[in-house]
Amino acid sequence: MSTHDVEVLIKPECHLCAEALEVTAGVCGELGLDYRTTDITEHPDLAAQFAEEIPVLRINGVVRDFWKFDPSRMRRLLS
C-alpha cells in the first residue's frame, strides 16, 4: 500500500469543513490512512491563498479537491 500525506485545510465554524472531514475520516478509515487538519486562521499565508476555497483537500502537498469532497474521487486518488 502506498503512503499518502492527506491534509484538510479548514477554518472554524465552517459547515462545509465539517462535511469534508466526515468524508475524509470515512475514506481514510476504509483505506487505513491517517489524515491531518490545518486551521488556516492560524496560518496567514494559507488564509490568503485559500480563503475562498475552504475546505481544501491536499494529498502529498497537491490540491486535489475543495468545497465538497467526493468520496469516490478521494478513494481513487488514495488507492
PDB file of N, CA and C in Angstrom:
ATOM      1  N   MET A   1       0.851  -1.181   0.000  1.00  0.00           N
ATOM      2  CA  MET A   1       0.000   0.000   0.000  1.00  0.00           C
ATOM      3  C   MET A   1       0.889   1.234   0.000  1.00  0.00           C
ATOM      4  N   SER A   2       0.533   2.212  -0.838  1.00  0.00           N
ATOM      5  CA  SER A   2       1.330   3.434  -0.892  1.00  0.00           C
ATOM      6  C   SER A   2       0.984   4.340   0.295  1.00  0.00           C
ATOM      7  N   THR A   3       1.918   5.203   0.608  1.00  0.00           N
ATOM      8  CA  THR A   3       1.723   6.132   1.708  1.00  0.00           C
ATOM      9  C   THR A   3       1.374   7.500   1.142  1.00  0.00           C
ATOM     10  N   HIS A   4       0.407   8.138   1.749  1.00  0.00           N
ATOM     11  CA  HIS A   4      -0.023   9.460   1.307  1.00  0.00           C
ATOM     12  C   HIS A   4      -0.052  10.403   2.494  1.00  0.00           C
ATOM     13  N   ASP A   5       0.326  11.657   2.244  1.00  0.00           N
ATOM     14  CA  ASP A   5       0.165  12.723   3.221  1.00  0.00           C
ATOM     15  C   ASP A   5      -1.166  13.390   2.898  1.00  0.00           C
ATOM     16  N   VAL A   6      -2.187  13.114   3.714  1.00  0.00           N
ATOM     17  CA  VAL A   6      -3.534  13.633   3.487  1.00  0.00           C
ATOM     18  C   VAL A   6      -3.772  14.765   4.481  1.00  0.00           C
ATOM     19  N   GLU A   7      -4.078  15.941   3.948  1.00  0.00           N
ATOM     20  CA  GLU A   7      -4.289  17.126   4.780  1.00  0.00           C
ATOM     21  C   GLU A   7      -5.571  17.812   4.342  1.00  0.00           C
ATOM     22  N   VAL A   8      -6.363  18.243   5.323  1.00  0.00           N
ATOM     23  CA  VAL A   8      -7.571  19.001   5.048  1.00  0.00           C
ATOM     24  C   VAL A   8      -7.404  20.389   5.664  1.00  0.00           C
ATOM     25  N   LEU A   9      -7.466  21.400   4.811  1.00  0.00           N
ATOM     26  CA  LEU A   9      -7.411  22.780   5.280  1.00  0.00           C
ATOM     27  C   LEU A   9      -8.819  23.202   5.668  1.00  0.00           C
ATOM     28  N   ILE A  10      -8.963  23.719   6.872  1.00  0.00           N
ATOM     29  CA  ILE A  10     -10.279  24.068   7.415  1.00  0.00           C
ATOM     30  C   ILE A  10     -10.221  25.436   8.074  1.00  0.00           C
ATOM     31  N   LYS A  11     -11.393  25.924   8.484  1.00  0.00           N
ATOM     32  CA  LYS A  11     -11.478  27.087   9.362  1.00  0.00           C
ATOM     33  C   LYS A  11     -12.654  26.868  10.306  1.00  0.00           C
ATOM     34  N   PRO A  12     -12.637  27.519  11.461  1.00  0.00           N
ATOM     35  CA  PRO A  12     -13.694  27.312  12.458  1.00  0.00           C
ATOM     36  C   PRO A  12     -15.077  27.699  11.923  1.00  0.00           C
ATOM     37  N   GLU A  13     -16.071  27.012  12.452  1.00  0.00           N
ATOM     38  CA  GLU A  13     -17.478  27.287  12.160  1.00  0.00           C
ATOM     39  C   GLU A  13     -17.794  27.239  10.670  1.00  0.00           C
ATOM     40  N   CYS A  14     -17.221  26.279   9.994  1.00  0.00           N
ATOM     41  CA  CYS A  14     -17.409  26.103   8.558  1.00  0.00           C
ATOM     42  C   CYS A  14     -18.179  24.800   8.343  1.00  0.00           C
ATOM     43  N   HIS A  15     -19.432  24.905   7.900  1.00  0.00           N
ATOM     44  CA  HIS A  15     -20.237  23.685   7.733  1.00  0.00           C
ATOM     45  C   HIS A  15     -19.703  22.796   6.615  1.00  0.00           C
ATOM     46  N   LEU A  16     -19.149  23.380   5.563  1.00  0.00           N
ATOM     47  CA  LEU A  16     -18.558  22.562   4.509  1.00  0.00           C
ATOM     48  C   LEU A  16     -17.335  21.814   5.025  1.00  0.00           C
ATOM     49  N   CYS A  17     -16.608  22.441   5.948  1.00  0.00           N
ATOM     50  CA  CYS A  17     -15.440  21.778   6.546  1.00  0.00           C
ATOM     51  C   CYS A  17     -15.873  20.551   7.338  1.00  0.00           C
ATOM     52  N   ALA A  18     -16.945  20.689   8.092  1.00  0.00           N
ATOM     53  CA  ALA A  18     -17.448  19.559   8.879  1.00  0.00           C
ATOM     54  C   ALA A  18     -17.837  18.401   7.961  1.00  0.00           C
ATOM     55  N   GLU A  19     -18.510  18.718   6.854  1.00  0.00           N
ATOM     56  CA  GLU A  19     -18.904  17.676   5.900  1.00  0.00           C
ATOM     57  C   GLU A  19     -17.674  17.036   5.258  1.00  0.00           C
ATOM     58  N   ALA A  20     -16.693  17.855   4.894  1.00  0.00           N
ATOM     59  CA  ALA A  20     -15.478  17.337   4.259  1.00  0.00           C
ATOM     60  C   ALA A  20     -14.696  16.442   5.210  1.00  0.00           C
ATOM     61  N   LEU A  21     -14.675  16.800   6.482  1.00  0.00           N
ATOM     62  CA  LEU A  21     -13.971  15.976   7.462  1.00  0.00           C
ATOM     63  C   LEU A  21     -14.655  14.631   7.655  1.00  0.00           C
ATOM     64  N   GLU A  22     -15.988  14.598   7.578  1.00  0.00           N
ATOM     65  CA  GLU A  22     -16.707  13.325   7.660  1.00  0.00           C
ATOM     66  C   GLU A  22     -16.323  12.414   6.494  1.00  0.00           C
ATOM     67  N   VAL A  23     -16.290  12.984   5.288  1.00  0.00           N
ATOM     68  CA  VAL A  23     -15.915  12.206   4.103  1.00  0.00           C
ATOM     69  C   VAL A  23     -14.470  11.721   4.235  1.00  0.00           C
ATOM     70  N   THR A  24     -13.585  12.624   4.640  1.00  0.00           N
ATOM     71  CA  THR A  24     -12.172  12.275   4.768  1.00  0.00           C
ATOM     72  C   THR A  24     -11.966  11.183   5.812  1.00  0.00           C
ATOM     73  N   ALA A  25     -12.609  11.317   6.957  1.00  0.00           N
ATOM     74  CA  ALA A  25     -12.480  10.310   8.013  1.00  0.00           C
ATOM     75  C   ALA A  25     -12.982   8.956   7.522  1.00  0.00           C
ATOM     76  N   GLY A  26     -14.094   8.955   6.800  1.00  0.00           N
ATOM     77  CA  GLY A  26     -14.644   7.702   6.293  1.00  0.00           C
ATOM     78  C   GLY A  26     -13.735   7.028   5.287  1.00  0.00           C
ATOM     79  N   VAL A  27     -13.286   7.776   4.293  1.00  0.00           N
ATOM     80  CA  VAL A  27     -12.450   7.200   3.243  1.00  0.00           C
ATOM     81  C   VAL A  27     -11.092   6.785   3.804  1.00  0.00           C
ATOM     82  N   CYS A  28     -10.464   7.655   4.586  1.00  0.00           N
ATOM     83  CA  CYS A  28      -9.163   7.302   5.161  1.00  0.00           C
ATOM     84  C   CYS A  28      -9.288   6.107   6.103  1.00  0.00           C
ATOM     85  N   GLY A  29     -10.394   6.037   6.835  1.00  0.00           N
ATOM     86  CA  GLY A  29     -10.640   4.891   7.706  1.00  0.00           C
ATOM     87  C   GLY A  29     -10.741   3.595   6.915  1.00  0.00           C
ATOM     88  N   GLU A  30     -11.464   3.630   5.803  1.00  0.00           N
ATOM     89  CA  GLU A  30     -11.597   2.442   4.946  1.00  0.00           C
ATOM     90  C   GLU A  30     -10.242   1.982   4.426  1.00  0.00           C
ATOM     91  N   LEU A  31      -9.382   2.942   4.097  1.00  0.00           N
ATOM     92  CA  LEU A  31      -8.103   2.622   3.459  1.00  0.00           C
ATOM     93  C   LEU A  31      -6.957   2.488   4.460  1.00  0.00           C
ATOM     94  N   GLY A  32      -7.254   2.682   5.747  1.00  0.00           N
ATOM     95  CA  GLY A  32      -6.222   2.562   6.768  1.00  0.00           C
ATOM     96  C   GLY A  32      -5.194   3.677   6.742  1.00  0.00           C
ATOM     97  N   LEU A  33      -5.629   4.864   6.335  1.00  0.00           N
ATOM     98  CA  LEU A  33      -4.730   6.011   6.233  1.00  0.00           C
ATOM     99  C   LEU A  33      -5.026   7.041   7.320  1.00  0.00           C
ATOM    100  N   ASP A  34      -3.998   7.734   7.728  1.00  0.00           N
ATOM    101  CA  ASP A  34      -4.162   8.862   8.640  1.00  0.00           C
ATOM    102  C   ASP A  34      -4.350  10.132   7.819  1.00  0.00           C
ATOM    103  N   TYR A  35      -4.933  11.140   8.439  1.00  0.00           N
ATOM    104  CA  TYR A  35      -5.032  12.454   7.816  1.00  0.00           C
ATOM    105  C   TYR A  35      -4.849  13.485   8.911  1.00  0.00           C
ATOM    106  N   ARG A  36      -4.574  14.699   8.505  1.00  0.00           N
ATOM    107  CA  ARG A  36      -4.424  15.782   9.474  1.00  0.00           C
ATOM    108  C   ARG A  36      -5.199  16.992   8.992  1.00  0.00           C
ATOM    109  N   THR A  37      -5.525  17.842   9.931  1.00  0.00           N
ATOM    110  CA  THR A  37      -6.212  19.081   9.598  1.00  0.00           C
ATOM    111  C   THR A  37      -5.292  20.255   9.889  1.00  0.00           C
ATOM    112  N   THR A  38      -5.470  21.314   9.125  1.00  0.00           N
ATOM    113  CA  THR A  38      -4.746  22.554   9.341  1.00  0.00           C
ATOM    114  C   THR A  38      -5.763  23.682   9.324  1.00  0.00           C
ATOM    115  N   ASP A  39      -5.821  24.438  10.412  1.00  0.00           N
ATOM    116  CA  ASP A  39      -6.726  25.578  10.532  1.00  0.00           C
ATOM    117  C   ASP A  39      -6.055  26.776   9.861  1.00  0.00           C
ATOM    118  N   ILE A  40      -6.631  27.254   8.751  1.00  0.00           N
ATOM    119  CA  ILE A  40      -5.990  28.334   8.004  1.00  0.00           C
ATOM    120  C   ILE A  40      -5.957  29.645   8.776  1.00  0.00           C
ATOM    121  N   THR A  41      -6.812  29.789   9.801  1.00  0.00           N
ATOM    122  CA  THR A  41      -6.788  31.035  10.570  1.00  0.00           C
ATOM    123  C   THR A  41      -5.514  31.158  11.397  1.00  0.00           C
ATOM    124  N   GLU A  42      -4.792  30.056  11.557  1.00  0.00           N
ATOM    125  CA  GLU A  42      -3.524  30.071  12.289  1.00  0.00           C
ATOM    126  C   GLU A  42      -2.324  30.213  11.358  1.00  0.00           C
ATOM    127  N   HIS A  43      -2.588  30.298  10.051  1.00  0.00           N
ATOM    128  CA  HIS A  43      -1.528  30.375   9.045  1.00  0.00           C
ATOM    129  C   HIS A  43      -1.900  31.447   8.019  1.00  0.00           C
ATOM    130  N   PRO A  44      -1.457  32.684   8.214  1.00  0.00           N
ATOM    131  CA  PRO A  44      -1.852  33.788   7.325  1.00  0.00           C
ATOM    132  C   PRO A  44      -1.581  33.525   5.840  1.00  0.00           C
ATOM    133  N   ASP A  45      -0.494  32.828   5.519  1.00  0.00           N
ATOM    134  CA  ASP A  45      -0.197  32.535   4.121  1.00  0.00           C
ATOM    135  C   ASP A  45      -1.258  31.623   3.506  1.00  0.00           C
ATOM    136  N   LEU A  46      -1.690  30.615   4.262  1.00  0.00           N
ATOM    137  CA  LEU A  46      -2.746  29.715   3.773  1.00  0.00           C
ATOM    138  C   LEU A  46      -4.083  30.430   3.709  1.00  0.00           C
ATOM    139  N   ALA A  47      -4.363  31.277   4.699  1.00  0.00           N
ATOM    140  CA  ALA A  47      -5.620  32.034   4.716  1.00  0.00           C
ATOM    141  C   ALA A  47      -5.711  32.921   3.477  1.00  0.00           C
ATOM    142  N   ALA A  48      -4.616  33.556   3.111  1.00  0.00           N
ATOM    143  CA  ALA A  48      -4.611  34.422   1.931  1.00  0.00           C
ATOM    144  C   ALA A  48      -4.790  33.609   0.652  1.00  0.00           C
ATOM    145  N   GLN A  49      -4.170  32.452   0.601  1.00  0.00           N
ATOM    146  CA  GLN A  49      -4.205  31.631  -0.611  1.00  0.00           C
ATOM    147  C   GLN A  49      -5.540  30.911  -0.806  1.00  0.00           C
ATOM    148  N   PHE A  50      -6.138  30.431   0.298  1.00  0.00           N
ATOM    149  CA  PHE A  50      -7.309  29.554   0.179  1.00  0.00           C
ATOM    150  C   PHE A  50      -8.587  30.104   0.803  1.00  0.00           C
ATOM    151  N   ALA A  51      -8.639  31.372   1.099  1.00  0.00           N
ATOM    152  CA  ALA A  51      -9.777  31.951   1.825  1.00  0.00           C
ATOM    153  C   ALA A  51     -11.135  31.620   1.204  1.00  0.00           C
ATOM    154  N   GLU A  52     -11.214  31.586  -0.108  1.00  0.00           N
ATOM    155  CA  GLU A  52     -12.495  31.362  -0.781  1.00  0.00           C
ATOM    156  C   GLU A  52     -12.733  29.907  -1.185  1.00  0.00           C
ATOM    157  N   GLU A  53     -11.814  29.019  -0.889  1.00  0.00           N
ATOM    158  CA  GLU A  53     -11.930  27.636  -1.356  1.00  0.00           C
ATOM    159  C   GLU A  53     -12.054  26.620  -0.231  1.00  0.00           C
ATOM    160  N   ILE A  54     -12.146  27.045   0.994  1.00  0.00           N
ATOM    161  CA  ILE A  54     -12.160  26.150   2.154  1.00  0.00           C
ATOM    162  C   ILE A  54     -13.436  25.323   2.165  1.00  0.00           C
ATOM    163  N   PRO A  55     -13.371  24.067   2.505  1.00  0.00           N
ATOM    164  CA  PRO A  55     -12.215  23.251   2.838  1.00  0.00           C
ATOM    165  C   PRO A  55     -11.430  22.848   1.588  1.00  0.00           C
ATOM    166  N   VAL A  56     -10.162  22.506   1.802  1.00  0.00           N
ATOM    167  CA  VAL A  56      -9.283  22.085   0.717  1.00  0.00           C
ATOM    168  C   VAL A  56      -8.661  20.745   1.090  1.00  0.00           C
ATOM    169  N   LEU A  57      -8.678  19.826   0.142  1.00  0.00           N
ATOM    170  CA  LEU A  57      -8.019  18.538   0.313  1.00  0.00           C
ATOM    171  C   LEU A  57      -6.676  18.597  -0.398  1.00  0.00           C
ATOM    172  N   ARG A  58      -5.609  18.355   0.358  1.00  0.00           N
ATOM    173  CA  ARG A  58      -4.281  18.256  -0.241  1.00  0.00           C
ATOM    174  C   ARG A  58      -3.754  16.842  -0.002  1.00  0.00           C
ATOM    175  N   ILE A  59      -3.276  16.241  -1.073  1.00  0.00           N
ATOM    176  CA  ILE A  59      -2.660  14.922  -0.992  1.00  0.00           C
ATOM    177  C   ILE A  59      -1.230  15.078  -1.468  1.00  0.00           C
ATOM    178  N   ASN A  60      -0.298  14.748  -0.575  1.00  0.00           N
ATOM    179  CA  ASN A  60       1.127  14.916  -0.866  1.00  0.00           C
ATOM    180  C   ASN A  60       1.434  16.344  -1.302  1.00  0.00           C
ATOM    181  N   GLY A  61       0.753  17.315  -0.657  1.00  0.00           N
ATOM    182  CA  GLY A  61       1.006  18.725  -0.911  1.00  0.00           C
ATOM    183  C   GLY A  61       0.307  19.312  -2.121  1.00  0.00           C
ATOM    184  N   VAL A  62      -0.420  18.489  -2.876  1.00  0.00           N
ATOM    185  CA  VAL A  62      -1.096  18.947  -4.090  1.00  0.00           C
ATOM    186  C   VAL A  62      -2.593  19.097  -3.808  1.00  0.00           C
ATOM    187  N   VAL A  63      -3.174  20.232  -4.184  1.00  0.00           N
ATOM    188  CA  VAL A  63      -4.614  20.440  -4.014  1.00  0.00           C
ATOM    189  C   VAL A  63      -5.356  19.478  -4.938  1.00  0.00           C
ATOM    190  N   ARG A  64      -6.231  18.676  -4.355  1.00  0.00           N
ATOM    191  CA  ARG A  64      -6.983  17.676  -5.114  1.00  0.00           C
ATOM    192  C   ARG A  64      -8.483  17.919  -5.110  1.00  0.00           C
ATOM    193  N   ASP A  65      -8.985  18.705  -4.155  1.00  0.00           N
ATOM    194  CA  ASP A  65     -10.415  18.979  -4.082  1.00  0.00           C
ATOM    195  C   ASP A  65     -10.636  20.177  -3.187  1.00  0.00           C
ATOM    196  N   PHE A  66     -11.790  20.829  -3.334  1.00  0.00           N
ATOM    197  CA  PHE A  66     -12.173  21.895  -2.414  1.00  0.00           C
ATOM    198  C   PHE A  66     -13.689  22.014  -2.391  1.00  0.00           C
ATOM    199  N   TRP A  67     -14.190  22.703  -1.383  1.00  0.00           N
ATOM    200  CA  TRP A  67     -15.605  22.885  -1.075  1.00  0.00           C
ATOM    201  C   TRP A  67     -16.299  21.582  -0.703  1.00  0.00           C
ATOM    202  N   LYS A  68     -16.634  20.757  -1.671  1.00  0.00           N
ATOM    203  CA  LYS A  68     -17.317  19.477  -1.419  1.00  0.00           C
ATOM    204  C   LYS A  68     -16.401  18.345  -1.859  1.00  0.00           C
ATOM    205  N   PHE A  69     -16.112  17.427  -0.937  1.00  0.00           N
ATOM    206  CA  PHE A  69     -15.224  16.313  -1.262  1.00  0.00           C
ATOM    207  C   PHE A  69     -16.061  15.135  -1.738  1.00  0.00           C
ATOM    208  N   ASP A  70     -15.684  14.565  -2.866  1.00  0.00           N
ATOM    209  CA  ASP A  70     -16.371  13.401  -3.411  1.00  0.00           C
ATOM    210  C   ASP A  70     -15.667  12.139  -2.911  1.00  0.00           C
ATOM    211  N   PRO A  71     -16.378  11.280  -2.154  1.00  0.00           N
ATOM    212  CA  PRO A  71     -15.717  10.098  -1.598  1.00  0.00           C
ATOM    213  C   PRO A  71     -15.169   9.150  -2.660  1.00  0.00           C
ATOM    214  N   SER A  72     -15.862   8.977  -3.775  1.00  0.00           N
ATOM    215  CA  SER A  72     -15.375   8.080  -4.831  1.00  0.00           C
ATOM    216  C   SER A  72     -14.079   8.610  -5.436  1.00  0.00           C
ATOM    217  N   ARG A  73     -14.042   9.902  -5.682  1.00  0.00           N
ATOM    218  CA  ARG A  73     -12.829  10.527  -6.223  1.00  0.00           C
ATOM    219  C   ARG A  73     -11.680  10.393  -5.219  1.00  0.00           C
ATOM    220  N   MET A  74     -11.975  10.620  -3.934  1.00  0.00           N
ATOM    221  CA  MET A  74     -10.936  10.530  -2.913  1.00  0.00           C
ATOM    222  C   MET A  74     -10.383   9.106  -2.833  1.00  0.00           C
ATOM    223  N   ARG A  75     -11.258   8.123  -2.880  1.00  0.00           N
ATOM    224  CA  ARG A  75     -10.803   6.720  -2.853  1.00  0.00           C
ATOM    225  C   ARG A  75      -9.864   6.445  -4.033  1.00  0.00           C
ATOM    226  N   ARG A  76     -10.259   6.916  -5.196  1.00  0.00           N
ATOM    227  CA  ARG A  76      -9.454   6.708  -6.403  1.00  0.00           C
ATOM    228  C   ARG A  76      -8.085   7.383  -6.259  1.00  0.00           C
ATOM    229  N   LEU A  77      -8.053   8.607  -5.744  1.00  0.00           N
ATOM    230  CA  LEU A  77      -6.791   9.336  -5.581  1.00  0.00           C
ATOM    231  C   LEU A  77      -5.872   8.672  -4.562  1.00  0.00           C
ATOM    232  N   LEU A  78      -6.464   8.018  -3.566  1.00  0.00           N
ATOM    233  CA  LEU A  78      -5.673   7.433  -2.491  1.00  0.00           C
ATOM    234  C   LEU A  78      -5.366   5.949  -2.675  1.00  0.00           C
ATOM    235  N   SER A  79      -5.944   5.341  -3.697  1.00  0.00           N
ATOM    236  CA  SER A  79      -5.718   3.899  -3.924  1.00  0.00           C
ATOM    237  C   SER A  79      -4.535   3.665  -4.831  1.00  0.00           C
TER     238      SER A  79
END
